[in-house]
Protein backbone atom coordinates (compact mmCIF):
# COMPACT_ATOMS: atom_id res chain seq x y z
CA MET A 1 53.85 67.28 -3.12
CA ARG A 2 54.82 66.12 0.37
CA GLU A 3 51.91 63.70 0.83
CA ASN A 4 54.07 60.62 0.32
CA TRP A 5 57.12 61.90 2.20
CA SER A 6 57.88 60.17 5.49
CA ARG A 7 59.47 61.29 8.72
CA PRO A 8 63.09 60.17 9.20
CA TYR A 9 62.27 59.23 12.80
CA PRO A 10 59.11 58.73 14.87
CA ALA A 11 57.31 61.65 16.45
CA ALA A 12 58.13 62.29 20.11
CA LEU A 13 54.76 61.65 21.72
CA LEU A 14 53.99 62.47 25.36
CA SER A 15 51.27 61.37 27.75
CA PRO A 16 49.01 64.04 29.32
CA ASP A 17 50.89 63.64 32.61
CA GLN A 18 54.27 64.14 30.93
CA ALA A 19 52.98 67.16 29.02
CA SER A 20 51.49 68.67 32.21
CA ALA A 21 54.99 69.07 33.59
CA LEU A 22 55.83 71.37 30.68
CA VAL A 23 52.94 73.81 31.07
CA ARG A 24 53.51 74.77 34.69
CA SER A 25 54.69 78.22 33.62
CA LEU A 26 51.23 79.02 32.25
CA PRO A 27 48.76 80.93 34.43
CA GLY A 28 47.09 78.59 36.92
CA GLN A 29 49.46 75.72 36.10
CA PRO A 30 46.73 73.90 34.14
CA ALA A 31 46.62 70.15 33.73
CA VAL A 32 46.78 68.65 30.25
CA LEU A 33 43.57 66.82 29.40
CA ARG A 34 44.45 65.58 25.93
CA VAL A 35 47.50 65.41 23.64
CA THR A 36 46.98 65.34 19.85
CA GLU A 37 49.74 65.07 17.25
CA LEU A 38 49.49 67.76 14.59
CA SER A 39 50.04 66.91 10.93
CA GLY A 40 52.37 68.60 8.47
CA GLY A 41 55.75 68.55 10.18
CA LEU A 42 58.43 66.14 8.97
CA ALA A 43 61.40 67.26 11.08
CA ASN A 44 60.07 68.04 14.56
CA THR A 45 57.03 67.10 16.64
CA ASN A 46 54.12 69.49 17.12
CA LEU A 47 51.41 68.53 19.61
CA ARG A 48 48.14 70.23 20.49
CA LEU A 49 47.61 70.28 24.25
CA ASP A 50 44.03 70.71 25.46
CA LEU A 51 44.18 72.17 28.96
CA ASP A 52 41.93 72.37 31.98
CA GLY A 53 40.74 75.97 32.35
CA HIS A 54 43.10 77.42 29.75
CA PRO A 55 42.98 77.79 25.95
CA PRO A 56 44.80 75.06 24.04
CA VAL A 57 48.49 75.50 23.22
CA VAL A 58 50.98 73.94 20.83
CA LEU A 59 53.92 72.03 22.27
CA ARG A 60 56.81 71.99 19.80
CA LEU A 61 59.60 69.48 20.43
CA PHE A 62 62.83 70.07 18.51
CA GLN A 63 64.03 66.70 17.21
CA ARG A 64 65.92 67.33 13.98
CA ASP A 65 68.42 69.84 15.35
CA PRO A 66 67.86 70.75 19.01
CA ALA A 67 70.35 73.62 18.71
CA GLN A 68 67.86 75.47 16.50
CA ALA A 69 65.41 75.85 19.39
CA VAL A 70 67.11 78.96 20.75
CA LYS A 71 67.13 80.64 17.35
CA GLU A 72 63.47 79.88 16.81
CA ARG A 73 62.58 81.32 20.21
CA ALA A 74 64.40 84.52 19.24
CA ILE A 75 62.47 84.67 15.97
CA HIS A 76 59.19 84.42 17.86
CA ALA A 77 60.29 87.35 20.01
CA LEU A 78 61.15 89.30 16.85
CA THR A 79 57.85 88.52 15.15
CA ALA A 80 55.90 89.54 18.24
CA GLY A 81 57.75 92.84 18.44
CA ARG A 82 57.18 93.65 14.78
CA GLY A 83 53.63 92.35 14.45
CA LEU A 84 54.59 89.63 11.98
CA PRO A 85 52.24 86.67 11.40
CA ALA A 86 53.54 84.06 13.85
CA PRO A 87 52.21 82.47 17.06
CA LYS A 88 53.22 83.99 20.38
CA LEU A 89 55.83 82.15 22.42
CA LEU A 90 54.27 81.28 25.80
CA GLY A 91 57.12 79.31 27.36
CA SER A 92 60.16 77.19 26.65
CA GLY A 93 62.64 74.84 28.27
CA ASP A 94 63.90 71.26 28.07
CA ASP A 95 61.58 68.27 28.32
CA PRO A 96 62.81 65.81 30.98
CA ALA A 97 60.91 62.92 29.40
CA THR A 98 62.60 63.14 25.97
CA GLY A 99 65.61 65.34 26.69
CA LEU A 100 64.52 67.64 23.84
CA PRO A 101 64.16 71.43 23.98
CA PHE A 102 60.58 72.59 23.62
CA ALA A 103 58.50 75.68 22.96
CA LEU A 104 54.95 76.39 24.08
CA LEU A 105 53.16 78.37 21.42
CA GLU A 106 49.84 80.12 21.16
CA TRP A 107 47.16 77.98 19.52
CA ILE A 108 45.78 79.76 16.45
CA ASP A 109 42.54 78.57 14.90
CA GLY A 110 42.95 78.02 11.21
CA GLN A 111 43.45 75.58 8.42
CA ARG A 112 46.64 74.70 6.61
CA LEU A 113 46.95 76.62 3.34
CA ASP A 114 47.39 73.45 1.28
CA GLU A 115 44.21 71.97 2.75
CA ALA A 116 42.16 75.16 2.41
CA ALA A 117 43.27 75.74 -1.18
CA ARG A 118 42.24 72.21 -2.10
CA GLY A 119 38.64 73.12 -1.32
CA LEU A 120 38.62 76.45 -3.19
CA ASP A 121 37.89 76.90 -6.86
CA ASP A 122 40.29 78.93 -8.99
CA ALA A 123 38.16 82.08 -8.75
CA ALA A 124 38.29 82.06 -4.93
CA LEU A 125 42.05 81.52 -4.72
CA PRO A 126 43.46 84.97 -5.72
CA PRO A 127 42.29 86.86 -2.59
CA LEU A 128 44.00 84.24 -0.46
CA GLY A 129 47.12 84.45 -2.63
CA ARG A 130 47.25 88.23 -2.12
CA SER A 131 47.07 87.74 1.64
CA VAL A 132 49.93 85.24 1.50
CA GLY A 133 51.99 87.68 -0.56
CA SER A 134 51.30 90.50 1.88
CA ALA A 135 52.37 88.36 4.84
CA LEU A 136 55.53 87.32 3.03
CA ALA A 137 56.43 90.94 2.25
CA ALA A 138 56.13 91.79 5.95
CA ILE A 139 58.54 88.96 6.81
CA HIS A 140 61.01 90.04 4.13
CA ALA A 141 60.94 93.61 5.43
CA VAL A 142 63.31 92.39 8.20
CA THR A 143 66.74 92.84 6.64
CA PHE A 144 70.38 92.01 7.38
CA GLU A 145 73.77 93.24 6.22
CA ARG A 146 74.79 89.91 4.70
CA THR A 147 73.36 86.52 3.82
CA GLY A 148 73.94 83.51 6.02
CA PHE A 149 72.79 81.41 8.93
CA LEU A 150 71.53 83.00 12.14
CA ASP A 151 72.62 82.44 15.72
CA ALA A 152 70.59 82.70 18.92
CA SER A 153 70.71 86.51 18.80
CA LEU A 154 69.63 86.52 15.13
CA ALA A 155 73.04 87.75 13.98
CA VAL A 156 74.55 86.21 10.87
CA ALA A 157 77.04 83.84 12.48
CA GLU A 158 77.86 81.82 9.37
CA PRO A 159 77.92 83.82 6.12
CA ALA A 160 76.75 81.99 3.01
CA ASP A 161 76.58 82.83 -0.68
CA ALA A 162 72.96 82.75 -1.85
CA GLY A 163 73.87 83.91 -5.36
CA GLY A 164 74.99 82.17 -8.51
CA ALA A 165 78.43 81.12 -7.28
CA GLY A 166 76.88 79.81 -4.07
CA LEU A 167 74.40 77.65 -5.98
CA ILE A 168 77.06 76.26 -8.33
CA GLY A 169 79.39 75.48 -5.45
CA PHE A 170 76.66 73.82 -3.42
CA LEU A 171 75.51 71.68 -6.34
CA ARG A 172 79.07 70.56 -7.00
CA HIS A 173 79.51 69.74 -3.32
CA VAL A 174 76.29 67.70 -3.19
CA LEU A 175 76.28 66.06 -6.60
CA ILE A 176 79.99 65.55 -7.29
CA ASP A 177 81.70 65.35 -3.89
CA GLY A 178 78.71 64.04 -1.91
CA PRO A 179 76.09 61.29 -2.27
CA GLY A 180 73.56 63.41 -4.14
CA GLY A 181 74.76 62.51 -7.62
CA ASP A 182 74.22 58.79 -7.11
CA ARG A 183 70.82 59.40 -5.55
CA LEU A 184 69.70 61.75 -8.29
CA GLY A 185 71.24 59.73 -11.13
CA ARG A 186 74.54 60.63 -12.74
CA ASP A 187 73.13 61.87 -16.05
CA LEU A 188 70.65 64.26 -14.43
CA ALA A 189 73.23 65.37 -11.87
CA ASP A 190 75.73 66.27 -14.60
CA ARG A 191 73.09 68.11 -16.59
CA LEU A 192 72.04 70.06 -13.49
CA VAL A 193 75.57 71.21 -12.70
CA ALA A 194 76.09 72.30 -16.32
CA PHE A 195 72.74 74.10 -16.25
CA ALA A 196 73.65 75.98 -13.08
CA GLU A 197 77.02 76.98 -14.54
CA ARG A 198 75.16 78.58 -17.48
CA GLU A 199 72.18 80.13 -15.72
CA ALA A 200 72.74 80.61 -11.97
CA GLY A 201 74.24 84.08 -12.47
CA LEU A 202 70.66 85.33 -12.75
CA LEU A 203 70.49 85.17 -8.94
CA ASP A 204 73.16 87.88 -8.73
CA ARG A 205 70.84 90.43 -10.34
CA TRP A 206 68.85 90.81 -7.13
CA PRO A 207 69.68 94.33 -5.89
CA GLY A 208 67.85 94.15 -2.57
CA PRO A 209 69.35 93.54 0.88
CA PRO A 210 69.40 90.10 2.52
CA CYS A 211 66.09 89.53 4.28
CA LEU A 212 64.54 87.26 6.87
CA THR A 213 63.79 84.09 4.92
CA HIS A 214 61.51 81.46 6.40
CA SER A 215 63.00 78.77 4.14
CA ASP A 216 60.09 76.34 4.56
CA PHE A 217 57.36 78.70 3.39
CA GLY A 218 54.94 76.17 1.97
CA GLY A 219 51.32 75.19 2.31
CA THR A 220 51.87 73.01 5.39
CA ASN A 221 53.43 75.87 7.40
CA ILE A 222 50.91 78.62 6.62
CA LEU A 223 47.67 78.76 8.60
CA VAL A 224 44.72 80.55 7.01
CA HIS A 225 41.22 81.38 8.19
CA ARG A 226 38.04 82.72 6.68
CA GLY A 227 36.93 86.13 7.93
CA ALA A 228 34.38 88.72 6.89
CA GLU A 229 36.49 89.70 3.87
CA GLY A 230 37.36 86.16 2.80
CA TRP A 231 40.31 83.87 3.33
CA ALA A 232 43.48 85.34 4.82
CA VAL A 233 46.72 84.30 6.53
CA ALA A 234 46.35 83.64 10.25
CA ALA A 235 49.95 82.65 11.07
CA VAL A 236 53.20 81.31 9.66
CA LEU A 237 54.55 78.32 11.60
CA ASP A 238 57.81 76.41 12.10
CA TRP A 239 60.70 78.88 11.76
CA GLU A 240 63.48 76.37 12.39
CA PHE A 241 65.15 76.82 8.99
CA ALA A 242 64.97 80.64 8.90
CA PHE A 243 68.09 82.46 7.72
CA ALA A 244 69.20 85.72 6.08
CA GLY A 245 68.57 85.12 2.40
CA SER A 246 66.53 86.52 -0.49
CA PRO A 247 62.81 86.55 -1.35
CA PHE A 248 63.31 83.83 -3.95
CA PHE A 249 63.86 80.99 -1.48
CA ASP A 250 60.39 81.49 0.01
CA LEU A 251 58.70 82.12 -3.33
CA GLY A 252 60.31 79.01 -4.81
CA ASN A 253 59.06 76.88 -1.92
CA LEU A 254 55.56 78.37 -1.94
CA LEU A 255 55.08 77.88 -5.67
CA ARG A 256 55.91 74.20 -5.76
CA PRO A 257 52.97 71.97 -6.72
CA PRO A 258 50.16 71.81 -5.88
CA LEU A 259 49.83 75.56 -5.18
CA GLY A 260 52.16 76.97 -7.83
CA PRO A 261 50.39 75.53 -10.89
CA ARG A 262 46.93 76.71 -9.74
CA PRO A 263 45.67 79.35 -12.22
CA GLY A 264 46.22 82.88 -10.92
CA PHE A 265 47.79 81.88 -7.60
CA ALA A 266 51.38 82.94 -8.31
CA ASP A 267 50.31 86.24 -9.85
CA SER A 268 48.02 87.02 -6.90
CA VAL A 269 50.83 86.26 -4.42
CA VAL A 270 53.12 88.70 -6.21
CA ASP A 271 50.35 91.31 -6.43
CA GLY A 272 49.91 91.10 -2.65
CA TYR A 273 53.67 91.14 -2.11
CA ARG A 274 54.18 94.29 -4.15
CA ALA A 275 51.11 96.02 -2.71
CA ALA A 276 52.58 95.48 0.78
CA GLY A 277 55.86 97.12 -0.22
CA GLY A 278 57.84 94.14 -1.46
CA THR A 279 60.02 94.51 -4.56
CA LEU A 280 60.59 91.82 -7.18
CA PRO A 281 62.36 91.97 -10.56
CA PRO A 282 60.73 90.88 -13.84
CA GLU A 283 62.64 87.56 -13.78
CA TRP A 284 61.36 86.63 -10.31
CA ARG A 285 59.86 83.30 -11.43
CA ARG A 286 63.13 81.98 -12.80
CA MET A 287 65.03 83.36 -9.83
CA ALA A 288 62.65 81.59 -7.45
CA ALA A 289 63.07 78.31 -9.34
CA LEU A 290 66.87 78.65 -9.20
CA ALA A 291 66.86 79.40 -5.48
CA ASP A 292 64.67 76.37 -4.86
CA LEU A 293 67.43 74.17 -6.30
CA PHE A 294 69.37 74.79 -3.06
CA SER A 295 66.58 73.00 -1.20
CA TRP A 296 66.27 70.07 -3.60
CA ALA A 297 70.01 69.53 -3.45
CA GLU A 298 69.97 69.74 0.35
CA PHE A 299 67.34 66.99 0.53
CA LEU A 300 69.78 64.71 -1.28
CA THR A 301 72.46 65.20 1.40
CA ARG A 302 70.43 63.85 4.29
CA PRO A 303 71.48 60.55 5.87
CA THR A 304 68.12 58.98 5.10
CA VAL A 305 66.22 59.99 1.95
CA SER A 306 63.08 58.17 0.88
CA ASP A 307 62.42 57.10 -2.68
CA ALA A 308 59.47 59.51 -2.75
CA VAL A 309 61.69 62.50 -1.95
CA ILE A 310 64.25 61.48 -4.58
CA ALA A 311 61.52 61.05 -7.19
CA THR A 312 60.10 64.48 -6.38
CA ALA A 313 63.56 66.06 -6.53
CA ARG A 314 64.15 64.59 -9.99
CA GLN A 315 60.80 65.89 -11.19
CA ARG A 316 61.27 69.41 -9.85
CA ILE A 317 64.86 69.70 -11.10
CA THR A 318 63.80 68.58 -14.58
CA GLN A 319 60.89 71.05 -14.59
CA THR A 320 63.19 73.88 -13.50
CA MET A 321 65.66 73.28 -16.30
CA ALA A 322 62.76 73.13 -18.78
CA MET A 323 61.88 76.75 -17.92
CA TRP A 324 64.90 77.84 -19.99
CA THR A 325 63.97 75.84 -23.11
């Protein structure tokens, strides 16, 4: 789905000498031999650094919102302490060459979920889906007292309504008060607001507590590898957008095309989720689709939005409303 999406700004690329200055905290102060840009990210820059006498590491430069760097470092500390599937944080600071905050992360061998799934037939996909569901349940086991956006200590600093009223209010803000209605097209925007006013109350039926929500839990941010028992999750990457939300934000993101329509994938994810202790109501598919409307509306608020993103938003919004017909 994101193949034709473009970055809003160029990647922040460094020379080996510039990158060497950022890895001095590693044992032996290794020199950087090679810098390779990693694919998948559209907001920040992720670089693989091959080092002299040390395993490779990932250098993550925070471009979209540098203030999120501190929160993401705290999330890596949390995931390490709870054994959640995320790379270890090896170092952090501010890059003098770009002025951007950075994180040094453990390199984990694996393949992006979207790429691995492309090479698997439908019969081989369910075991991988169950592993993804199990990993997601472990993430959602971290809970909060209220929904909202997290600060550097992972406290909810800015409460937010992730239920029906929150979705209706956000859609009105984006599509009526903001530029989203013109970008989406007035007819579709009006139909979407009316749809949310009728149906968004379904989100309020979730009885569980707010949970750690990755909020970009898609095929480009999930690394998988093939072991003795088949394909499984190796790590979940890029926690910049994480907040205290509900399971449906991550499920909605994960089940976008191309993964969601694959036969058996969604059911296997939910099987793995429930087997690992996660709880979902019978209407979880519709609730996930509703929660994903927050994301599609948010895309339409950004200062620069490509035609490809707008076209995809229109398609997904139309498909979501069709689930009720």
